Amino acid sequence: ACMINKRNFKLRFNRGRPFDGLGDFGLKKINL
């Protein structure tokens, strides 16, 4: 998938500051 035109993303958040914007607390990683 790293060779296709529209590639996938991985986001890794910092320790102590996970992503909680969706009302689901504590996301350390996001796959898109």
All heavy atoms as atom14 arrays in JSON, in Angstrom:
{
  "sequence": "ACMINKRNFKLRFNRGRPFDGLGDFGLKKINL",
  "atom14_mask": [
    [1, 1, 1, 1, 1, 0, 0, 0, 0, 0, 0, 0, 0, 0],
    [1, 1, 1, 1, 1, 1, 0, 0, 0, 0, 0, 0, 0, 0],
    [1, 1, 1, 1, 1, 1, 1, 1, 0, 0, 0, 0, 0, 0],
    [1, 1, 1, 1, 1, 1, 1, 1, 0, 0, 0, 0, 0, 0],
    [1, 1, 1, 1, 1, 1, 1, 1, 0, 0, 0, 0, 0, 0],
    [1, 1, 1, 1, 1, 1, 1, 1, 1, 0, 0, 0, 0, 0],
    [1, 1, 1, 1, 1, 1, 1, 1, 1, 1, 1, 0, 0, 0],
    [1, 1, 1, 1, 1, 1, 1, 1, 0, 0, 0, 0, 0, 0],
    [1, 1, 1, 1, 1, 1, 1, 1, 1, 1, 1, 0, 0, 0],
    [1, 1, 1, 1, 1, 1, 1, 1, 1, 0, 0, 0, 0, 0],
    [1, 1, 1, 1, 1, 1, 1, 1, 0, 0, 0, 0, 0, 0],
    [1, 1, 1, 1, 1, 1, 1, 1, 1, 1, 1, 0, 0, 0],
    [1, 1, 1, 1, 1, 1, 1, 1, 1, 1, 1, 0, 0, 0],
    [1, 1, 1, 1, 1, 1, 1, 1, 0, 0, 0, 0, 0, 0],
    [1, 1, 1, 1, 1, 1, 1, 1, 1, 1, 1, 0, 0, 0],
    [1, 1, 1, 1, 0, 0, 0, 0, 0, 0, 0, 0, 0, 0],
    [1, 1, 1, 1, 1, 1, 1, 1, 1, 1, 1, 0, 0, 0],
    [1, 1, 1, 1, 1, 1, 1, 0, 0, 0, 0, 0, 0, 0],
    [1, 1, 1, 1, 1, 1, 1, 1, 1, 1, 1, 0, 0, 0],
    [1, 1, 1, 1, 1, 1, 1, 1, 0, 0, 0, 0, 0, 0],
    [1, 1, 1, 1, 0, 0, 0, 0, 0, 0, 0, 0, 0, 0],
    [1, 1, 1, 1, 1, 1, 1, 1, 0, 0, 0, 0, 0, 0],
    [1, 1, 1, 1, 0, 0, 0, 0, 0, 0, 0, 0, 0, 0],
    [1, 1, 1, 1, 1, 1, 1, 1, 0, 0, 0, 0, 0, 0],
    [1, 1, 1, 1, 1, 1, 1, 1, 1, 1, 1, 0, 0, 0],
    [1, 1, 1, 1, 0, 0, 0, 0, 0, 0, 0, 0, 0, 0],
    [1, 1, 1, 1, 1, 1, 1, 1, 0, 0, 0, 0, 0, 0],
    [1, 1, 1, 1, 1, 1, 1, 1, 1, 0, 0, 0, 0, 0],
    [1, 1, 1, 1, 1, 1, 1, 1, 1, 0, 0, 0, 0, 0],
    [1, 1, 1, 1, 1, 1, 1, 1, 0, 0, 0, 0, 0, 0],
    [1, 1, 1, 1, 1, 1, 1, 1, 0, 0, 0, 0, 0, 0],
    [1, 1, 1, 1, 1, 1, 1, 1, 0, 0, 0, 0, 0, 0]
  ],
  "atom14_positions": [
    [[0.82, -1.21, 0.0], [0.0, 0.0, 0.0], [0.85, 1.26, 0.0], [0.34, 2.35, -0.28], [-0.93, -0.01, 1.2], [0.0, 0.0, 0.0], [0.0, 0.0, 0.0], [0.0, 0.0, 0.0], [0.0, 0.0, 0.0], [0.0, 0.0, 0.0], [0.0, 0.0, 0.0], [0.0, 0.0, 0.0], [0.0, 0.0, 0.0], [0.0, 0.0, 0.0]],
    [[2.13, 1.13, 0.32], [3.01, 2.29, 0.3], [3.39, 2.71, -1.12], [4.05, 3.74, -1.3], [4.28, 1.98, 1.09], [4.02, 2.04, 2.87], [0.0, 0.0, 0.0], [0.0, 0.0, 0.0], [0.0, 0.0, 0.0], [0.0, 0.0, 0.0], [0.0, 0.0, 0.0], [0.0, 0.0, 0.0], [0.0, 0.0, 0.0], [0.0, 0.0, 0.0]],
    [[2.98, 1.91, -2.1], [3.33, 2.22, -3.49], [2.14, 2.75, -4.28], [2.3, 3.1, -5.45], [3.89, 0.96, -4.17], [5.04, 0.31, -3.43], [6.43, 1.44, -3.15], [6.94, 1.74, -4.85], [0.0, 0.0, 0.0], [0.0, 0.0, 0.0], [0.0, 0.0, 0.0], [0.0, 0.0, 0.0], [0.0, 0.0, 0.0], [0.0, 0.0, 0.0]],
    [[0.95, 2.78, -3.69], [-0.23, 3.22, -4.42], [-0.33, 4.74, -4.4], [0.4, 5.41, -3.66], [-1.51, 2.58, -3.84], [-1.68, 2.96, -2.38], [-1.47, 1.06, -4.0], [-2.93, 2.38, -1.75], [0.0, 0.0, 0.0], [0.0, 0.0, 0.0], [0.0, 0.0, 0.0], [0.0, 0.0, 0.0], [0.0, 0.0, 0.0], [0.0, 0.0, 0.0]],
    [[-1.24, 5.29, -5.18], [-1.34, 6.74, -5.31], [-1.93, 7.4, -4.06], [-1.49, 8.47, -3.67], [-2.18, 7.1, -6.53], [-1.45, 6.81, -7.83], [-0.23, 6.7, -7.84], [-2.18, 6.69, -8.92], [0.0, 0.0, 0.0], [0.0, 0.0, 0.0], [0.0, 0.0, 0.0], [0.0, 0.0, 0.0], [0.0, 0.0, 0.0], [0.0, 0.0, 0.0]],
    [[-2.94, 6.77, -3.47], [-3.58, 7.33, -2.28], [-3.24, 6.44, -1.1], [-3.86, 5.41, -0.88], [-5.1, 7.41, -2.48], [-5.84, 8.16, -1.38], [-7.34, 8.17, -1.66], [-8.1, 8.88, -0.57], [-9.57, 8.78, -0.77], [0.0, 0.0, 0.0], [0.0, 0.0, 0.0], [0.0, 0.0, 0.0], [0.0, 0.0, 0.0], [0.0, 0.0, 0.0]],
    [[-2.26, 6.84, -0.33], [-1.67, 5.96, 0.68], [-2.37, 6.1, 2.04], [-3.06, 7.08, 2.3], [-0.18, 6.26, 0.8], [0.53, 6.06, -0.54], [1.99, 6.48, -0.53], [2.54, 6.42, -1.87], [3.77, 6.78, -2.19], [4.6, 7.22, -1.25], [4.18, 6.7, -3.44], [0.0, 0.0, 0.0], [0.0, 0.0, 0.0], [0.0, 0.0, 0.0]],
    [[-2.15, 5.09, 2.86], [-2.74, 5.06, 4.2], [-1.81, 5.78, 5.18], [-0.6, 5.81, 5.0], [-2.95, 3.62, 4.65], [-3.74, 2.81, 3.65], [-4.64, 3.33, 2.99], [-3.42, 1.53, 3.53], [0.0, 0.0, 0.0], [0.0, 0.0, 0.0], [0.0, 0.0, 0.0], [0.0, 0.0, 0.0], [0.0, 0.0, 0.0], [0.0, 0.0, 0.0]],
    [[-2.4, 6.3, 6.26], [-1.64, 7.04, 7.27], [-1.74, 6.35, 8.62], [-2.76, 5.74, 8.95], [-2.19, 8.46, 7.43], [-1.93, 9.38, 6.28], [-2.75, 9.36, 5.15], [-0.87, 10.28, 6.3], [-2.53, 10.22, 4.09], [-0.64, 11.14, 5.24], [-1.48, 11.12, 4.14], [0.0, 0.0, 0.0], [0.0, 0.0, 0.0], [0.0, 0.0, 0.0]],
    [[-0.67, 6.48, 9.39], [-0.69, 6.1, 10.81], [-0.24, 7.3, 11.62], [0.82, 7.87, 11.36], [0.2, 4.89, 11.1], [0.22, 4.52, 12.6], [1.05, 3.29, 12.88], [0.32, 2.03, 12.44], [-0.88, 1.75, 13.28], [0.0, 0.0, 0.0], [0.0, 0.0, 0.0], [0.0, 0.0, 0.0], [0.0, 0.0, 0.0], [0.0, 0.0, 0.0]],
    [[-1.04, 7.65, 12.62], [-0.72, 8.75, 13.53], [-0.5, 8.18, 14.91], [-1.29, 7.37, 15.4], [-1.86, 9.77, 13.58], [-2.13, 10.65, 12.37], [-2.7, 9.86, 11.2], [-3.09, 11.77, 12.74], [0.0, 0.0, 0.0], [0.0, 0.0, 0.0], [0.0, 0.0, 0.0], [0.0, 0.0, 0.0], [0.0, 0.0, 0.0], [0.0, 0.0, 0.0]],
    [[0.58, 8.58, 15.56], [0.89, 8.13, 16.91], [0.97, 9.36, 17.82], [1.76, 10.27, 17.58], [2.2, 7.36, 16.96], [2.46, 6.7, 18.31], [3.71, 5.83, 18.29], [4.92, 6.64, 18.22], [6.16, 6.14, 18.14], [6.3, 4.82, 18.07], [7.21, 6.92, 18.11], [0.0, 0.0, 0.0], [0.0, 0.0, 0.0], [0.0, 0.0, 0.0]],
    [[0.13, 9.34, 18.87], [0.05, 10.47, 19.78], [1.05, 10.33, 20.92], [1.52, 9.23, 21.23], [-1.38, 10.62, 20.3], [-2.35, 11.03, 19.24], [-2.91, 10.1, 18.39], [-2.68, 12.36, 19.07], [-3.8, 10.47, 17.4], [-3.57, 12.76, 18.08], [-4.12, 11.8, 17.23], [0.0, 0.0, 0.0], [0.0, 0.0, 0.0], [0.0, 0.0, 0.0]],
    [[1.35, 11.44, 21.55], [2.37, 11.46, 22.59], [1.84, 10.89, 23.91], [0.65, 10.97, 24.21], [2.84, 12.9, 22.82], [3.61, 13.43, 21.63], [4.63, 12.88, 21.23], [3.13, 14.52, 21.06], [0.0, 0.0, 0.0], [0.0, 0.0, 0.0], [0.0, 0.0, 0.0], [0.0, 0.0, 0.0], [0.0, 0.0, 0.0], [0.0, 0.0, 0.0]],
    [[2.74, 10.33, 24.68], [2.4, 9.82, 26.0], [1.88, 10.96, 26.87], [2.47, 12.03, 26.94], [3.64, 9.18, 26.64], [3.36, 8.52, 27.98], [4.52, 7.61, 28.37], [5.76, 8.33, 28.54], [6.22, 8.78, 29.71], [5.51, 8.56, 30.81], [7.37, 9.41, 29.79], [0.0, 0.0, 0.0], [0.0, 0.0, 0.0], [0.0, 0.0, 0.0]],
    [[0.76, 10.72, 27.51], [0.15, 11.74, 28.33], [-0.83, 12.63, 27.61], [-1.54, 13.43, 28.24], [0.0, 0.0, 0.0], [0.0, 0.0, 0.0], [0.0, 0.0, 0.0], [0.0, 0.0, 0.0], [0.0, 0.0, 0.0], [0.0, 0.0, 0.0], [0.0, 0.0, 0.0], [0.0, 0.0, 0.0], [0.0, 0.0, 0.0], [0.0, 0.0, 0.0]],
    [[-0.92, 12.51, 26.28], [-1.86, 13.34, 25.52], [-2.49, 12.51, 24.4], [-2.27, 12.75, 23.21], [-1.15, 14.56, 24.94], [-2.11, 15.55, 24.24], [-2.86, 16.4, 25.21], [-3.94, 17.13, 24.55], [-3.77, 18.23, 23.8], [-2.57, 18.72, 23.6], [-4.81, 18.83, 23.26], [0.0, 0.0, 0.0], [0.0, 0.0, 0.0], [0.0, 0.0, 0.0]],
    [[-3.29, 11.49, 24.74], [-3.97, 10.71, 23.71], [-5.09, 11.52, 23.07], [-5.51, 12.55, 23.6], [-4.52, 9.51, 24.48], [-4.75, 10.04, 25.86], [-3.63, 11.04, 26.11], [0.0, 0.0, 0.0], [0.0, 0.0, 0.0], [0.0, 0.0, 0.0], [0.0, 0.0, 0.0], [0.0, 0.0, 0.0], [0.0, 0.0, 0.0], [0.0, 0.0, 0.0]],
    [[-5.57, 11.04, 21.95], [-6.66, 11.73, 21.25], [-7.99, 11.33, 21.87], [-8.34, 10.16, 21.93], [-6.64, 11.35, 19.77], [-7.77, 11.93, 18.98], [-8.03, 13.3, 19.01], [-8.59, 11.12, 18.21], [-9.08, 13.83, 18.28], [-9.63, 11.65, 17.49], [-9.88, 13.01, 17.51], [0.0, 0.0, 0.0], [0.0, 0.0, 0.0], [0.0, 0.0, 0.0]],
    [[-8.75, 12.33, 22.32], [-10.04, 12.06, 22.94], [-11.15, 12.88, 22.32], [-12.21, 13.06, 22.92], [-9.98, 12.3, 24.45], [-9.53, 13.71, 24.79], [-9.42, 14.54, 23.86], [-9.28, 14.0, 25.97], [0.0, 0.0, 0.0], [0.0, 0.0, 0.0], [0.0, 0.0, 0.0], [0.0, 0.0, 0.0], [0.0, 0.0, 0.0], [0.0, 0.0, 0.0]],
    [[-10.94, 13.37, 21.11], [-11.9, 14.26, 20.48], [-13.18, 13.6, 20.02], [-14.15, 14.29, 19.68], [0.0, 0.0, 0.0], [0.0, 0.0, 0.0], [0.0, 0.0, 0.0], [0.0, 0.0, 0.0], [0.0, 0.0, 0.0], [0.0, 0.0, 0.0], [0.0, 0.0, 0.0], [0.0, 0.0, 0.0], [0.0, 0.0, 0.0], [0.0, 0.0, 0.0]],
    [[-13.23, 12.28, 19.98], [-14.42, 11.58, 19.51], [-15.29, 11.08, 20.66], [-16.22, 10.31, 20.44], [-14.02, 10.39, 18.62], [-13.24, 10.75, 17.35], [-12.74, 9.51, 16.64], [-14.12, 11.58, 16.41], [0.0, 0.0, 0.0], [0.0, 0.0, 0.0], [0.0, 0.0, 0.0], [0.0, 0.0, 0.0], [0.0, 0.0, 0.0], [0.0, 0.0, 0.0]],
    [[-14.96, 11.51, 21.88], [-15.71, 11.03, 23.03], [-15.28, 9.65, 23.46], [-15.85, 9.05, 24.37], [0.0, 0.0, 0.0], [0.0, 0.0, 0.0], [0.0, 0.0, 0.0], [0.0, 0.0, 0.0], [0.0, 0.0, 0.0], [0.0, 0.0, 0.0], [0.0, 0.0, 0.0], [0.0, 0.0, 0.0], [0.0, 0.0, 0.0], [0.0, 0.0, 0.0]],
    [[-14.25, 9.11, 22.82], [-13.72, 7.79, 23.14], [-12.29, 8.03, 23.62], [-11.38, 8.16, 22.82], [-13.75, 6.9, 21.91], [-13.56, 5.44, 22.24], [-13.28, 5.15, 23.42], [-13.69, 4.59, 21.36], [0.0, 0.0, 0.0], [0.0, 0.0, 0.0], [0.0, 0.0, 0.0], [0.0, 0.0, 0.0], [0.0, 0.0, 0.0], [0.0, 0.0, 0.0]],
    [[-12.13, 8.09, 24.93], [-10.89, 8.6, 25.49], [-9.73, 7.6, 25.32], [-9.91, 6.4, 25.36], [-11.08, 8.9, 26.98], [-12.07, 10.0, 27.21], [-13.4, 9.71, 27.46], [-11.67, 11.31, 27.15], [-14.31, 10.73, 27.67], [-12.58, 12.34, 27.36], [-13.91, 12.04, 27.61], [0.0, 0.0, 0.0], [0.0, 0.0, 0.0], [0.0, 0.0, 0.0]],
    [[-8.56, 8.16, 25.12], [-7.36, 7.36, 25.21], [-6.86, 6.73, 23.93], [-6.19, 5.71, 24.0], [0.0, 0.0, 0.0], [0.0, 0.0, 0.0], [0.0, 0.0, 0.0], [0.0, 0.0, 0.0], [0.0, 0.0, 0.0], [0.0, 0.0, 0.0], [0.0, 0.0, 0.0], [0.0, 0.0, 0.0], [0.0, 0.0, 0.0], [0.0, 0.0, 0.0]],
    [[-7.16, 7.31, 22.76], [-6.63, 6.75, 21.51], [-5.17, 7.15, 21.36], [-4.85, 8.33, 21.21], [-7.44, 7.24, 20.31], [-8.89, 6.81, 20.23], [-9.54, 7.34, 18.96], [-9.02, 5.29, 20.28], [0.0, 0.0, 0.0], [0.0, 0.0, 0.0], [0.0, 0.0, 0.0], [0.0, 0.0, 0.0], [0.0, 0.0, 0.0], [0.0, 0.0, 0.0]],
    [[-4.29, 6.17, 21.38], [-2.86, 6.45, 21.25], [-2.41, 6.42, 19.78], [-1.41, 7.04, 19.43], [-2.05, 5.42, 22.05], [-2.36, 5.44, 23.55], [-1.58, 4.36, 24.27], [-1.9, 4.36, 25.76], [-1.19, 3.28, 26.48], [0.0, 0.0, 0.0], [0.0, 0.0, 0.0], [0.0, 0.0, 0.0], [0.0, 0.0, 0.0], [0.0, 0.0, 0.0]],
    [[-3.16, 5.68, 18.95], [-2.82, 5.57, 17.54], [-4.09, 5.66, 16.7], [-5.15, 5.2, 17.13], [-2.09, 4.26, 17.24], [-0.73, 4.14, 17.93], [-0.06, 2.82, 17.58], [1.3, 2.69, 18.29], [1.97, 1.4, 17.98], [0.0, 0.0, 0.0], [0.0, 0.0, 0.0], [0.0, 0.0, 0.0], [0.0, 0.0, 0.0], [0.0, 0.0, 0.0]],
    [[-3.94, 6.23, 15.51], [-5.05, 6.33, 14.57], [-4.59, 5.79, 13.23], [-3.5, 6.15, 12.75], [-5.52, 7.79, 14.41], [-6.27, 8.25, 15.66], [-6.41, 7.95, 13.19], [-6.77, 9.68, 15.58], [0.0, 0.0, 0.0], [0.0, 0.0, 0.0], [0.0, 0.0, 0.0], [0.0, 0.0, 0.0], [0.0, 0.0, 0.0], [0.0, 0.0, 0.0]],
    [[-5.4, 4.93, 12.63], [-5.14, 4.41, 11.29], [-6.14, 5.02, 10.32], [-7.35, 4.97, 10.56], [-5.27, 2.88, 11.27], [-4.31, 2.21, 12.22], [-3.14, 2.56, 12.3], [-4.79, 1.23, 12.96], [0.0, 0.0, 0.0], [0.0, 0.0, 0.0], [0.0, 0.0, 0.0], [0.0, 0.0, 0.0], [0.0, 0.0, 0.0], [0.0, 0.0, 0.0]],
    [[-5.64, 5.58, 9.23], [-6.49, 6.18, 8.21], [-6.21, 5.5, 6.88], [-5.09, 5.56, 6.36], [-6.21, 7.69, 8.09], [-6.38, 8.51, 9.36], [-6.03, 9.97, 9.1], [-7.79, 8.39, 9.91], [0.0, 0.0, 0.0], [0.0, 0.0, 0.0], [0.0, 0.0, 0.0], [0.0, 0.0, 0.0], [0.0, 0.0, 0.0], [0.0, 0.0, 0.0]]
  ]
}
